[in-house]
């Protein structure tokens, strides 16, 4: 059972989703190689919400033609995550996977680490 999850919200041009999926698949394999327990990414399909609920585009404003990708990477603990991420970012394969031209604006990416409090 995992106890720690890194979460990323990425605003990405919808047209880049197929290319991003290829990059994310390779990156996910690298994360797993370096100790992540699970690697998942999701593309938004319904960002319209009822009144009284804050929609994701309020947290990450989307430009015309953009959608939102949610990524969750599971680890045993925060210290396990820290060791794995250091290893991942030191692996030259990551640079090769990411390529020269970014598929989304990294400066608008939202990130946070979370301790799991319910895991059914």
PDB file of N, CA and C in Angstrom:
ATOM      1  N   UNK A   1       0.844  -1.186   0.000  1.00  0.00           N
ATOM      2  CA  UNK A   1       0.000   0.000   0.000  1.00  0.00           C
ATOM      3  C   UNK A   1       0.887   1.246   0.000  1.00  0.00           C
ATOM      4  N   UNK A   2       0.649   2.149  -0.929  1.00  0.00           N
ATOM      5  CA  UNK A   2       1.425   3.375  -0.986  1.00  0.00           C
ATOM      6  C   UNK A   2       0.954   4.345   0.091  1.00  0.00           C
ATOM      7  N   UNK A   3       1.863   5.217   0.504  1.00  0.00           N
ATOM      8  CA  UNK A   3       1.555   6.173   1.550  1.00  0.00           C
ATOM      9  C   UNK A   3       1.833   7.606   1.141  1.00  0.00           C
ATOM     10  N   UNK A   4       2.362   7.806  -0.064  1.00  0.00           N
ATOM     11  CA  UNK A   4       2.725   9.143  -0.497  1.00  0.00           C
ATOM     12  C   UNK A   4       2.506   9.263  -1.999  1.00  0.00           C
ATOM     13  N   UNK A   5       1.927  10.383  -2.431  1.00  0.00           N
ATOM     14  CA  UNK A   5       1.624  10.587  -3.842  1.00  0.00           C
ATOM     15  C   UNK A   5       2.064  11.987  -4.261  1.00  0.00           C
ATOM     16  N   UNK A   6       2.820  12.067  -5.338  1.00  0.00           N
ATOM     17  CA  UNK A   6       3.119  13.340  -5.986  1.00  0.00           C
ATOM     18  C   UNK A   6       2.026  13.577  -7.016  1.00  0.00           C
ATOM     19  N   UNK A   7       1.481  14.792  -7.036  1.00  0.00           N
ATOM     20  CA  UNK A   7       0.403  15.141  -7.955  1.00  0.00           C
ATOM     21  C   UNK A   7       0.830  16.329  -8.803  1.00  0.00           C
ATOM     22  N   UNK A   8       0.552  16.251 -10.088  1.00  0.00           N
ATOM     23  CA  UNK A   8       0.890  17.307 -11.044  1.00  0.00           C
ATOM     24  C   UNK A   8      -0.361  17.651 -11.850  1.00  0.00           C
ATOM     25  N   UNK A   9      -0.594  18.932 -12.082  1.00  0.00           N
ATOM     26  CA  UNK A   9      -1.631  19.402 -12.997  1.00  0.00           C
ATOM     27  C   UNK A   9      -0.916  20.169 -14.100  1.00  0.00           C
ATOM     28  N   UNK A  10      -1.110  19.725 -15.334  1.00  0.00           N
ATOM     29  CA  UNK A  10      -0.392  20.298 -16.463  1.00  0.00           C
ATOM     30  C   UNK A  10      -1.357  20.876 -17.482  1.00  0.00           C
ATOM     31  N   UNK A  11      -1.297  22.176 -17.742  1.00  0.00           N
ATOM     32  CA  UNK A  11      -2.085  22.730 -18.840  1.00  0.00           C
ATOM     33  C   UNK A  11      -1.355  22.414 -20.142  1.00  0.00           C
ATOM     34  N   UNK A  12      -2.048  21.787 -21.060  1.00  0.00           N
ATOM     35  CA  UNK A  12      -1.383  21.325 -22.284  1.00  0.00           C
ATOM     36  C   UNK A  12      -2.301  21.542 -23.486  1.00  0.00           C
ATOM     37  N   UNK A  13      -1.754  21.997 -24.608  1.00  0.00           N
ATOM     38  CA  UNK A  13      -2.581  22.101 -25.804  1.00  0.00           C
ATOM     39  C   UNK A  13      -3.186  20.731 -26.133  1.00  0.00           C
ATOM     40  N   UNK A  14      -4.483  20.695 -26.341  1.00  0.00           N
ATOM     41  CA  UNK A  14      -5.161  19.427 -26.628  1.00  0.00           C
ATOM     42  C   UNK A  14      -4.527  18.712 -27.817  1.00  0.00           C
ATOM     43  N   UNK A  15      -4.036  19.477 -28.778  1.00  0.00           N
ATOM     44  CA  UNK A  15      -3.403  18.881 -29.962  1.00  0.00           C
ATOM     45  C   UNK A  15      -2.112  18.133 -29.607  1.00  0.00           C
ATOM     46  N   UNK A  16      -1.520  18.441 -28.449  1.00  0.00           N
ATOM     47  CA  UNK A  16      -0.276  17.789 -28.035  1.00  0.00           C
ATOM     48  C   UNK A  16      -0.497  16.505 -27.232  1.00  0.00           C
ATOM     49  N   UNK A  17      -1.734  16.165 -26.936  1.00  0.00           N
ATOM     50  CA  UNK A  17      -2.004  14.981 -26.101  1.00  0.00           C
ATOM     51  C   UNK A  17      -1.401  13.704 -26.690  1.00  0.00           C
ATOM     52  N   UNK A  18      -1.549  13.404 -27.983  1.00  0.00           N
ATOM     53  CA  UNK A  18      -0.938  12.167 -28.499  1.00  0.00           C
ATOM     54  C   UNK A  18       0.588  12.128 -28.314  1.00  0.00           C
ATOM     55  N   UNK A  19       1.268  13.231 -28.599  1.00  0.00           N
ATOM     56  CA  UNK A  19       2.724  13.274 -28.410  1.00  0.00           C
ATOM     57  C   UNK A  19       3.068  13.202 -26.925  1.00  0.00           C
ATOM     58  N   UNK A  20       2.271  13.888 -26.092  1.00  0.00           N
ATOM     59  CA  UNK A  20       2.515  13.867 -24.654  1.00  0.00           C
ATOM     60  C   UNK A  20       2.337  12.453 -24.087  1.00  0.00           C
ATOM     61  N   UNK A  21       1.352  11.733 -24.587  1.00  0.00           N
ATOM     62  CA  UNK A  21       1.110  10.372 -24.111  1.00  0.00           C
ATOM     63  C   UNK A  21       2.343   9.494 -24.355  1.00  0.00           C
ATOM     64  N   UNK A  22       2.989   9.659 -25.498  1.00  0.00           N
ATOM     65  CA  UNK A  22       4.205   8.890 -25.791  1.00  0.00           C
ATOM     66  C   UNK A  22       5.322   9.254 -24.819  1.00  0.00           C
ATOM     67  N   UNK A  23       5.510  10.556 -24.585  1.00  0.00           N
ATOM     68  CA  UNK A  23       6.549  11.019 -23.664  1.00  0.00           C
ATOM     69  C   UNK A  23       6.240  10.547 -22.241  1.00  0.00           C
ATOM     70  N   UNK A  24       4.983  10.688 -21.821  1.00  0.00           N
ATOM     71  CA  UNK A  24       4.593  10.298 -20.466  1.00  0.00           C
ATOM     72  C   UNK A  24       4.748   8.796 -20.242  1.00  0.00           C
ATOM     73  N   UNK A  25       4.485   7.998 -21.256  1.00  0.00           N
ATOM     74  CA  UNK A  25       4.662   6.546 -21.139  1.00  0.00           C
ATOM     75  C   UNK A  25       6.127   6.209 -20.893  1.00  0.00           C
ATOM     76  N   UNK A  26       7.018   6.849 -21.651  1.00  0.00           N
ATOM     77  CA  UNK A  26       8.454   6.630 -21.446  1.00  0.00           C
ATOM     78  C   UNK A  26       8.899   7.144 -20.080  1.00  0.00           C
ATOM     79  N   UNK A  27       8.429   8.321 -19.709  1.00  0.00           N
ATOM     80  CA  UNK A  27       8.789   8.892 -18.407  1.00  0.00           C
ATOM     81  C   UNK A  27       8.269   8.009 -17.273  1.00  0.00           C
ATOM     82  N   UNK A  28       7.052   7.514 -17.411  1.00  0.00           N
ATOM     83  CA  UNK A  28       6.482   6.644 -16.392  1.00  0.00           C
ATOM     84  C   UNK A  28       7.321   5.396 -16.174  1.00  0.00           C
ATOM     85  N   UNK A  29       7.807   4.813 -17.256  1.00  0.00           N
ATOM     86  CA  UNK A  29       8.670   3.632 -17.142  1.00  0.00           C
ATOM     87  C   UNK A  29       9.960   3.986 -16.400  1.00  0.00           C
ATOM     88  N   UNK A  30      10.484   5.190 -16.638  1.00  0.00           N
ATOM     89  CA  UNK A  30      11.681   5.645 -15.941  1.00  0.00           C
ATOM     90  C   UNK A  30      11.398   5.829 -14.444  1.00  0.00           C
ATOM     91  N   UNK A  31      10.243   6.423 -14.116  1.00  0.00           N
ATOM     92  CA  UNK A  31       9.863   6.592 -12.713  1.00  0.00           C
ATOM     93  C   UNK A  31       9.764   5.229 -12.025  1.00  0.00           C
ATOM     94  N   UNK A  32       9.135   4.267 -12.674  1.00  0.00           N
ATOM     95  CA  UNK A  32       9.003   2.925 -12.093  1.00  0.00           C
ATOM     96  C   UNK A  32      10.366   2.262 -11.931  1.00  0.00           C
ATOM     97  N   UNK A  33      11.244   2.461 -12.898  1.00  0.00           N
ATOM     98  CA  UNK A  33      12.599   1.900 -12.831  1.00  0.00           C
ATOM     99  C   UNK A  33      13.336   2.415 -11.597  1.00  0.00           C
ATOM    100  N   UNK A  34      13.067   3.668 -11.237  1.00  0.00           N
ATOM    101  CA  UNK A  34      13.770   4.288 -10.113  1.00  0.00           C
ATOM    102  C   UNK A  34      12.992   4.210  -8.802  1.00  0.00           C
ATOM    103  N   UNK A  35      11.947   3.383  -8.745  1.00  0.00           N
ATOM    104  CA  UNK A  35      11.319   3.115  -7.457  1.00  0.00           C
ATOM    105  C   UNK A  35       9.887   3.545  -7.253  1.00  0.00           C
ATOM    106  N   UNK A  36       9.301   4.323  -8.171  1.00  0.00           N
ATOM    107  CA  UNK A  36       7.894   4.674  -8.001  1.00  0.00           C
ATOM    108  C   UNK A  36       7.067   3.387  -7.986  1.00  0.00           C
ATOM    109  N   UNK A  37       6.027   3.357  -7.169  1.00  0.00           N
ATOM    110  CA  UNK A  37       5.177   2.178  -7.071  1.00  0.00           C
ATOM    111  C   UNK A  37       4.116   2.143  -8.166  1.00  0.00           C
ATOM    112  N   UNK A  38       3.664   3.323  -8.564  1.00  0.00           N
ATOM    113  CA  UNK A  38       2.613   3.411  -9.581  1.00  0.00           C
ATOM    114  C   UNK A  38       2.723   4.773 -10.256  1.00  0.00           C
ATOM    115  N   UNK A  39       2.455   4.795 -11.557  1.00  0.00           N
ATOM    116  CA  UNK A  39       2.541   6.034 -12.333  1.00  0.00           C
ATOM    117  C   UNK A  39       1.297   6.096 -13.205  1.00  0.00           C
ATOM    118  N   UNK A  40       0.495   7.138 -13.027  1.00  0.00           N
ATOM    119  CA  UNK A  40      -0.733   7.278 -13.816  1.00  0.00           C
ATOM    120  C   UNK A  40      -0.895   8.720 -14.270  1.00  0.00           C
ATOM    121  N   UNK A  41      -1.437   8.892 -15.468  1.00  0.00           N
ATOM    122  CA  UNK A  41      -1.754  10.222 -15.979  1.00  0.00           C
ATOM    123  C   UNK A  41      -3.151  10.175 -16.580  1.00  0.00           C
ATOM    124  N   UNK A  42      -3.853  11.279 -16.443  1.00  0.00           N
ATOM    125  CA  UNK A  42      -5.235  11.373 -16.905  1.00  0.00           C
ATOM    126  C   UNK A  42      -5.416  12.658 -17.698  1.00  0.00           C
ATOM    127  N   UNK A  43      -6.119  12.586 -18.814  1.00  0.00           N
ATOM    128  CA  UNK A  43      -6.482  13.787 -19.572  1.00  0.00           C
ATOM    129  C   UNK A  43      -7.913  14.161 -19.199  1.00  0.00           C
ATOM    130  N   UNK A  44      -8.145  15.438 -19.004  1.00  0.00           N
ATOM    131  CA  UNK A  44      -9.471  15.916 -18.610  1.00  0.00           C
ATOM    132  C   UNK A  44     -10.509  15.543 -19.664  1.00  0.00           C
ATOM    133  N   UNK A  45     -11.682  15.171 -19.198  1.00  0.00           N
ATOM    134  CA  UNK A  45     -12.777  14.905 -20.125  1.00  0.00           C
ATOM    135  C   UNK A  45     -14.020  15.716 -19.774  1.00  0.00           C
ATOM    136  N   UNK A  46     -14.112  16.208 -18.539  1.00  0.00           N
ATOM    137  CA  UNK A  46     -15.266  17.001 -18.125  1.00  0.00           C
ATOM    138  C   UNK A  46     -14.806  18.021 -17.099  1.00  0.00           C
ATOM    139  N   UNK A  47     -14.567  19.236 -17.540  1.00  0.00           N
ATOM    140  CA  UNK A  47     -14.124  20.292 -16.635  1.00  0.00           C
ATOM    141  C   UNK A  47     -15.242  21.262 -16.280  1.00  0.00           C
ATOM    142  N   UNK A  48     -16.444  20.972 -16.742  1.00  0.00           N
ATOM    143  CA  UNK A  48     -17.596  21.804 -16.389  1.00  0.00           C
ATOM    144  C   UNK A  48     -18.155  21.303 -15.066  1.00  0.00           C
ATOM    145  N   UNK A  49     -18.420  22.229 -14.142  1.00  0.00           N
ATOM    146  CA  UNK A  49     -18.903  21.831 -12.825  1.00  0.00           C
ATOM    147  C   UNK A  49     -20.146  22.629 -12.444  1.00  0.00           C
ATOM    148  N   UNK A  50     -20.833  22.118 -11.458  1.00  0.00           N
ATOM    149  CA  UNK A  50     -22.018  22.796 -10.913  1.00  0.00           C
ATOM    150  C   UNK A  50     -21.575  24.019 -10.103  1.00  0.00           C
ATOM    151  N   UNK A  51     -22.533  24.889  -9.814  1.00  0.00           N
ATOM    152  CA  UNK A  51     -22.253  26.015  -8.923  1.00  0.00           C
ATOM    153  C   UNK A  51     -21.803  25.483  -7.567  1.00  0.00           C
ATOM    154  N   UNK A  52     -21.067  26.284  -6.845  1.00  0.00           N
ATOM    155  CA  UNK A  52     -20.593  25.986  -5.490  1.00  0.00           C
ATOM    156  C   UNK A  52     -19.407  25.026  -5.466  1.00  0.00           C
ATOM    157  N   UNK A  53     -18.883  24.665  -6.615  1.00  0.00           N
ATOM    158  CA  UNK A  53     -17.689  23.823  -6.671  1.00  0.00           C
ATOM    159  C   UNK A  53     -16.667  24.569  -7.513  1.00  0.00           C
ATOM    160  N   UNK A  54     -15.418  24.557  -7.082  1.00  0.00           N
ATOM    161  CA  UNK A  54     -14.365  25.253  -7.823  1.00  0.00           C
ATOM    162  C   UNK A  54     -13.876  24.350  -8.954  1.00  0.00           C
ATOM    163  N   UNK A  55     -14.029  24.778 -10.203  1.00  0.00           N
ATOM    164  CA  UNK A  55     -13.557  23.956 -11.317  1.00  0.00           C
ATOM    165  C   UNK A  55     -12.036  24.010 -11.447  1.00  0.00           C
ATOM    166  N   UNK A  56     -11.446  22.942 -11.950  1.00  0.00           N
ATOM    167  CA  UNK A  56     -10.003  22.902 -12.142  1.00  0.00           C
ATOM    168  C   UNK A  56      -9.480  24.105 -12.922  1.00  0.00           C
ATOM    169  N   UNK A  57     -10.153  24.545 -13.991  1.00  0.00           N
ATOM    170  CA  UNK A  57      -9.611  25.695 -14.736  1.00  0.00           C
ATOM    171  C   UNK A  57      -9.499  26.979 -13.899  1.00  0.00           C
ATOM    172  N   UNK A  58     -10.136  27.025 -12.734  1.00  0.00           N
ATOM    173  CA  UNK A  58      -9.925  28.171 -11.845  1.00  0.00           C
ATOM    174  C   UNK A  58      -8.571  28.076 -11.158  1.00  0.00           C
ATOM    175  N   UNK A  59      -8.123  26.865 -10.881  1.00  0.00           N
ATOM    176  CA  UNK A  59      -6.825  26.652 -10.243  1.00  0.00           C
ATOM    177  C   UNK A  59      -5.694  26.742 -11.262  1.00  0.00           C
ATOM    178  N   UNK A  60      -5.951  26.226 -12.437  1.00  0.00           N
ATOM    179  CA  UNK A  60      -4.985  26.253 -13.530  1.00  0.00           C
ATOM    180  C   UNK A  60      -5.714  26.838 -14.740  1.00  0.00           C
ATOM    181  N   UNK A  61      -5.667  28.160 -14.908  1.00  0.00           N
ATOM    182  CA  UNK A  61      -6.383  28.769 -16.032  1.00  0.00           C
ATOM    183  C   UNK A  61      -5.910  28.198 -17.368  1.00  0.00           C
ATOM    184  N   UNK A  62      -6.868  27.790 -18.176  1.00  0.00           N
ATOM    185  CA  UNK A  62      -6.557  27.193 -19.473  1.00  0.00           C
ATOM    186  C   UNK A  62      -6.745  28.213 -20.586  1.00  0.00           C
ATOM    187  N   UNK A  63      -5.828  28.207 -21.526  1.00  0.00           N
ATOM    188  CA  UNK A  63      -5.941  29.040 -22.718  1.00  0.00           C
ATOM    189  C   UNK A  63      -6.784  28.300 -23.744  1.00  0.00           C
ATOM    190  N   UNK A  64      -7.252  29.014 -24.759  1.00  0.00           N
ATOM    191  CA  UNK A  64      -8.019  28.377 -25.829  1.00  0.00           C
ATOM    192  C   UNK A  64      -7.234  27.208 -26.406  1.00  0.00           C
ATOM    193  N   UNK A  65      -7.898  26.080 -26.579  1.00  0.00           N
ATOM    194  CA  UNK A  65      -7.268  24.905 -27.170  1.00  0.00           C
ATOM    195  C   UNK A  65      -6.499  24.047 -26.185  1.00  0.00           C
ATOM    196  N   UNK A  66      -6.459  24.454 -24.904  1.00  0.00           N
ATOM    197  CA  UNK A  66      -5.749  23.661 -23.899  1.00  0.00           C
ATOM    198  C   UNK A  66      -6.709  22.759 -23.133  1.00  0.00           C
ATOM    199  N   UNK A  67      -6.167  21.694 -22.598  1.00  0.00           N
ATOM    200  CA  UNK A  67      -6.876  20.829 -21.678  1.00  0.00           C
ATOM    201  C   UNK A  67      -5.965  20.625 -20.476  1.00  0.00           C
ATOM    202  N   UNK A  68      -6.399  19.833 -19.538  1.00  0.00           N
ATOM    203  CA  UNK A  68      -5.634  19.620 -18.320  1.00  0.00           C
ATOM    204  C   UNK A  68      -5.259  18.150 -18.197  1.00  0.00           C
ATOM    205  N   UNK A  69      -4.023  17.890 -17.847  1.00  0.00           N
ATOM    206  CA  UNK A  69      -3.562  16.535 -17.554  1.00  0.00           C
ATOM    207  C   UNK A  69      -3.284  16.471 -16.065  1.00  0.00           C
ATOM    208  N   UNK A  70      -3.771  15.425 -15.431  1.00  0.00           N
ATOM    209  CA  UNK A  70      -3.531  15.158 -14.013  1.00  0.00           C
ATOM    210  C   UNK A  70      -2.629  13.943 -13.942  1.00  0.00           C
ATOM    211  N   UNK A  71      -1.529  14.059 -13.227  1.00  0.00           N
ATOM    212  CA  UNK A  71      -0.604  12.936 -13.076  1.00  0.00           C
ATOM    213  C   UNK A  71      -0.449  12.631 -11.596  1.00  0.00           C
ATOM    214  N   UNK A  72      -0.395  11.346 -11.261  1.00  0.00           N
ATOM    215  CA  UNK A  72      -0.199  10.912  -9.883  1.00  0.00           C
ATOM    216  C   UNK A  72       0.856   9.818  -9.869  1.00  0.00           C
ATOM    217  N   UNK A  73       1.881  10.021  -9.061  1.00  0.00           N
ATOM    218  CA  UNK A  73       2.968   9.055  -8.943  1.00  0.00           C
ATOM    219  C   UNK A  73       3.031   8.613  -7.483  1.00  0.00           C
ATOM    220  N   UNK A  74       2.900   7.309  -7.252  1.00  0.00           N
ATOM    221  CA  UNK A  74       2.852   6.785  -5.885  1.00  0.00           C
ATOM    222  C   UNK A  74       4.208   6.271  -5.426  1.00  0.00           C
ATOM    223  N   UNK A  75       4.491   6.537  -4.140  1.00  0.00           N
ATOM    224  CA  UNK A  75       5.723   6.101  -3.496  1.00  0.00           C
ATOM    225  C   UNK A  75       5.403   5.516  -2.116  1.00  0.00           C
ATOM    226  N   UNK A  76       6.373   4.842  -1.507  1.00  0.00           N
ATOM    227  CA  UNK A  76       6.185   4.257  -0.178  1.00  0.00           C
ATOM    228  C   UNK A  76       6.063   5.334   0.893  1.00  0.00           C
ATOM    229  N   UNK A  77       6.829   6.407   0.729  1.00  0.00           N
ATOM    230  CA  UNK A  77       6.871   7.475   1.730  1.00  0.00           C
ATOM    231  C   UNK A  77       7.453   8.725   1.085  1.00  0.00           C
ATOM    232  N   UNK A  78       7.440   9.817   1.827  1.00  0.00           N
ATOM    233  CA  UNK A  78       8.022  11.057   1.304  1.00  0.00           C
ATOM    234  C   UNK A  78       9.528  10.903   1.118  1.00  0.00           C
ATOM    235  N   UNK A  79      10.200  10.228   2.055  1.00  0.00           N
ATOM    236  CA  UNK A  79      11.648  10.040   1.915  1.00  0.00           C
ATOM    237  C   UNK A  79      11.968   9.124   0.730  1.00  0.00           C
ATOM    238  N   UNK A  80      11.128   8.115   0.506  1.00  0.00           N
ATOM    239  CA  UNK A  80      11.297   7.240  -0.664  1.00  0.00           C
ATOM    240  C   UNK A  80      11.140   8.061  -1.937  1.00  0.00           C
ATOM    241  N   UNK A  81      10.138   8.940  -1.973  1.00  0.00           N
ATOM    242  CA  UNK A  81       9.923   9.816  -3.130  1.00  0.00           C
ATOM    243  C   UNK A  81      11.153  10.681  -3.375  1.00  0.00           C
ATOM    244  N   UNK A  82      11.692  11.263  -2.306  1.00  0.00           N
ATOM    245  CA  UNK A  82      12.847  12.156  -2.452  1.00  0.00           C
ATOM    246  C   UNK A  82      14.052  11.418  -3.031  1.00  0.00           C
ATOM    247  N   UNK A  83      14.303  10.200  -2.564  1.00  0.00           N
ATOM    248  CA  UNK A  83      15.416   9.405  -3.098  1.00  0.00           C
ATOM    249  C   UNK A  83      15.167   9.048  -4.565  1.00  0.00           C
ATOM    250  N   UNK A  84      13.947   8.609  -4.865  1.00  0.00           N
ATOM    251  CA  UNK A  84      13.616   8.214  -6.240  1.00  0.00           C
ATOM    252  C   UNK A  84      13.715   9.397  -7.193  1.00  0.00           C
ATOM    253  N   UNK A  85      13.200  10.547  -6.799  1.00  0.00           N
ATOM    254  CA  UNK A  85      13.227  11.721  -7.679  1.00  0.00           C
ATOM    255  C   UNK A  85      14.659  12.173  -7.944  1.00  0.00           C
ATOM    256  N   UNK A  86      15.515  12.100  -6.938  1.00  0.00           N
ATOM    257  CA  UNK A  86      16.918  12.450  -7.144  1.00  0.00           C
ATOM    258  C   UNK A  86      17.534  11.525  -8.187  1.00  0.00           C
ATOM    259  N   UNK A  87      17.236  10.258  -8.079  1.00  0.00           N
ATOM    260  CA  UNK A  87      17.743   9.269  -9.025  1.00  0.00           C
ATOM    261  C   UNK A  87      17.180   9.500 -10.429  1.00  0.00           C
ATOM    262  N   UNK A  88      15.898   9.809 -10.509  1.00  0.00           N
ATOM    263  CA  UNK A  88      15.240  10.053 -11.793  1.00  0.00           C
ATOM    264  C   UNK A  88      15.862  11.264 -12.490  1.00  0.00           C
ATOM    265  N   UNK A  89      16.025  12.362 -11.757  1.00  0.00           N
ATOM    266  CA  UNK A  89      16.545  13.577 -12.371  1.00  0.00           C
ATOM    267  C   UNK A  89      18.033  13.490 -12.695  1.00  0.00           C
ATOM    268  N   UNK A  90      18.721  12.519 -12.118  1.00  0.00           N
ATOM    269  CA  UNK A  90      20.132  12.302 -12.463  1.00  0.00           C
ATOM    270  C   UNK A  90      20.303  11.306 -13.605  1.00  0.00           C
ATOM    271  N   UNK A  91      19.224  10.702 -14.041  1.00  0.00           N
ATOM    272  CA  UNK A  91      19.281   9.719 -15.125  1.00  0.00           C
ATOM    273  C   UNK A  91      19.266  10.464 -16.466  1.00  0.00           C
ATOM    274  N   UNK A  92      20.299  10.308 -17.301  1.00  0.00           N
ATOM    275  CA  UNK A  92      20.334  11.005 -18.593  1.00  0.00           C
ATOM    276  C   UNK A  92      19.181  10.613 -19.517  1.00  0.00           C
ATOM    277  N   UNK A  93      18.546   9.496 -19.259  1.00  0.00           N
ATOM    278  CA  UNK A  93      17.409   9.082 -20.086  1.00  0.00           C
ATOM    279  C   UNK A  93      16.268  10.086 -19.987  1.00  0.00           C
ATOM    280  N   UNK A  94      16.136  10.773 -18.847  1.00  0.00           N
ATOM    281  CA  UNK A  94      15.050  11.742 -18.686  1.00  0.00           C
ATOM    282  C   UNK A  94      15.190  12.882 -19.688  1.00  0.00           C
ATOM    283  N   UNK A  95      16.389  13.381 -19.879  1.00  0.00           N
ATOM    284  CA  UNK A  95      16.619  14.459 -20.849  1.00  0.00           C
ATOM    285  C   UNK A  95      16.266  13.992 -22.249  1.00  0.00           C
ATOM    286  N   UNK A  96      16.636  12.775 -22.570  1.00  0.00           N
ATOM    287  CA  UNK A  96      16.334  12.229 -23.901  1.00  0.00           C
ATOM    288  C   UNK A  96      14.828  12.089 -24.090  1.00  0.00           C
ATOM    289  N   UNK A  97      14.129  11.670 -23.060  1.00  0.00           N
ATOM    290  CA  UNK A  97      12.675  11.490 -23.145  1.00  0.00           C
ATOM    291  C   UNK A  97      11.975  12.832 -23.350  1.00  0.00           C
ATOM    292  N   UNK A  98      12.399  13.856 -22.632  1.00  0.00           N
ATOM    293  CA  UNK A  98      11.719  15.148 -22.668  1.00  0.00           C
ATOM    294  C   UNK A  98      11.908  15.877 -23.996  1.00  0.00           C
ATOM    295  N   UNK A  99      13.008  15.634 -24.699  1.00  0.00           N
ATOM    296  CA  UNK A  99      13.227  16.273 -25.993  1.00  0.00           C
ATOM    297  C   UNK A  99      13.585  17.736 -25.866  1.00  0.00           C
ATOM    298  N   UNK A 100      13.706  18.377 -27.012  1.00  0.00           N
ATOM    299  CA  UNK A 100      14.129  19.776 -27.054  1.00  0.00           C
ATOM    300  C   UNK A 100      12.975  20.766 -26.922  1.00  0.00           C
ATOM    301  N   UNK A 101      11.803  20.387 -27.413  1.00  0.00           N
ATOM    302  CA  UNK A 101      10.666  21.307 -27.419  1.00  0.00           C
ATOM    303  C   UNK A 101       9.610  20.835 -26.422  1.00  0.00           C
ATOM    304  N   UNK A 102       9.335  21.633 -25.378  1.00  0.00           N
ATOM    305  CA  UNK A 102       8.335  21.226 -24.388  1.00  0.00           C
ATOM    306  C   UNK A 102       6.939  21.130 -25.008  1.00  0.00           C
ATOM    307  N   UNK A 103       6.171  20.166 -24.537  1.00  0.00           N
ATOM    308  CA  UNK A 103       4.810  19.961 -25.021  1.00  0.00           C
ATOM    309  C   UNK A 103       3.787  20.781 -24.240  1.00  0.00           C
ATOM    310  N   UNK A 104       4.225  21.406 -23.141  1.00  0.00           N
ATOM    311  CA  UNK A 104       3.354  22.267 -22.344  1.00  0.00           C
ATOM    312  C   UNK A 104       4.221  23.289 -21.624  1.00  0.00           C
ATOM    313  N   UNK A 105       3.588  24.285 -21.013  1.00  0.00           N
ATOM    314  CA  UNK A 105       4.276  25.370 -20.317  1.00  0.00           C
ATOM    315  C   UNK A 105       4.568  24.934 -18.875  1.00  0.00           C
ATOM    316  N   UNK A 106       5.818  24.551 -18.609  1.00  0.00           N
ATOM    317  CA  UNK A 106       6.216  24.063 -17.287  1.00  0.00           C
ATOM    318  C   UNK A 106       5.971  25.093 -16.183  1.00  0.00           C
ATOM    319  N   UNK A 107       6.046  26.373 -16.515  1.00  0.00           N
ATOM    320  CA  UNK A 107       5.865  27.419 -15.514  1.00  0.00           C
ATOM    321  C   UNK A 107       4.432  27.515 -15.017  1.00  0.00           C
ATOM    322  N   UNK A 108       3.498  26.904 -15.729  1.00  0.00           N
ATOM    323  CA  UNK A 108       2.094  26.924 -15.312  1.00  0.00           C
ATOM    324  C   UNK A 108       1.676  25.593 -14.677  1.00  0.00           C
ATOM    325  N   UNK A 109       2.607  24.667 -14.560  1.00  0.00           N
ATOM    326  CA  UNK A 109       2.318  23.375 -13.947  1.00  0.00           C
ATOM    327  C   UNK A 109       2.129  23.558 -12.445  1.00  0.00           C
ATOM    328  N   UNK A 110       1.168  22.841 -11.875  1.00  0.00           N
ATOM    329  CA  UNK A 110       0.919  22.865 -10.436  1.00  0.00           C
ATOM    330  C   UNK A 110       1.399  21.534  -9.871  1.00  0.00           C
ATOM    331  N   UNK A 111       2.091  21.574  -8.728  1.00  0.00           N
ATOM    332  CA  UNK A 111       2.645  20.361  -8.131  1.00  0.00           C
ATOM    333  C   UNK A 111       2.429  20.355  -6.627  1.00  0.00           C
ATOM    334  N   UNK A 112       2.284  19.169  -6.074  1.00  0.00           N
ATOM    335  CA  UNK A 112       2.236  19.020  -4.624  1.00  0.00           C
ATOM    336  C   UNK A 112       2.443  17.567  -4.247  1.00  0.00           C
ATOM    337  N   UNK A 113       2.962  17.339  -3.054  1.00  0.00           N
ATOM    338  CA  UNK A 113       3.128  16.008  -2.513  1.00  0.00           C
ATOM    339  C   UNK A 113       2.089  15.784  -1.427  1.00  0.00           C
ATOM    340  N   UNK A 114       1.509  14.590  -1.396  1.00  0.00           N
ATOM    341  CA  UNK A 114       0.413  14.309  -0.475  1.00  0.00           C
ATOM    342  C   UNK A 114       0.626  12.979   0.252  1.00  0.00           C
ATOM    343  N   UNK A 115       0.360  12.989   1.561  1.00  0.00           N
ATOM    344  CA  UNK A 115       0.326  11.756   2.327  1.00  0.00           C
ATOM    345  C   UNK A 115      -1.051  11.143   2.153  1.00  0.00           C
ATOM    346  N   UNK A 116      -1.095   9.849   1.903  1.00  0.00           N
ATOM    347  CA  UNK A 116      -2.371   9.161   1.736  1.00  0.00           C
ATOM    348  C   UNK A 116      -3.035   9.026   3.097  1.00  0.00           C
ATOM    349  N   UNK A 117      -4.305   9.432   3.187  1.00  0.00           N
ATOM    350  CA  UNK A 117      -5.022   9.313   4.463  1.00  0.00           C
ATOM    351  C   UNK A 117      -6.150   8.272   4.389  1.00  0.00           C
ATOM    352  N   UNK A 118      -6.616   7.951   3.188  1.00  0.00           N
ATOM    353  CA  UNK A 118      -7.593   6.883   2.995  1.00  0.00           C
ATOM    354  C   UNK A 118      -7.174   6.119   1.754  1.00  0.00           C
ATOM    355  N   UNK A 119      -7.119   4.803   1.842  1.00  0.00           N
ATOM    356  CA  UNK A 119      -6.713   3.970   0.710  1.00  0.00           C
ATOM    357  C   UNK A 119      -7.549   2.706   0.747  1.00  0.00           C
ATOM    358  N   UNK A 120      -8.652   2.706   0.020  1.00  0.00           N
ATOM    359  CA  UNK A 120      -9.580   1.564   0.037  1.00  0.00           C
ATOM    360  C   UNK A 120      -9.289   0.585  -1.073  1.00  0.00           C
TER     361      UNK A 120
END
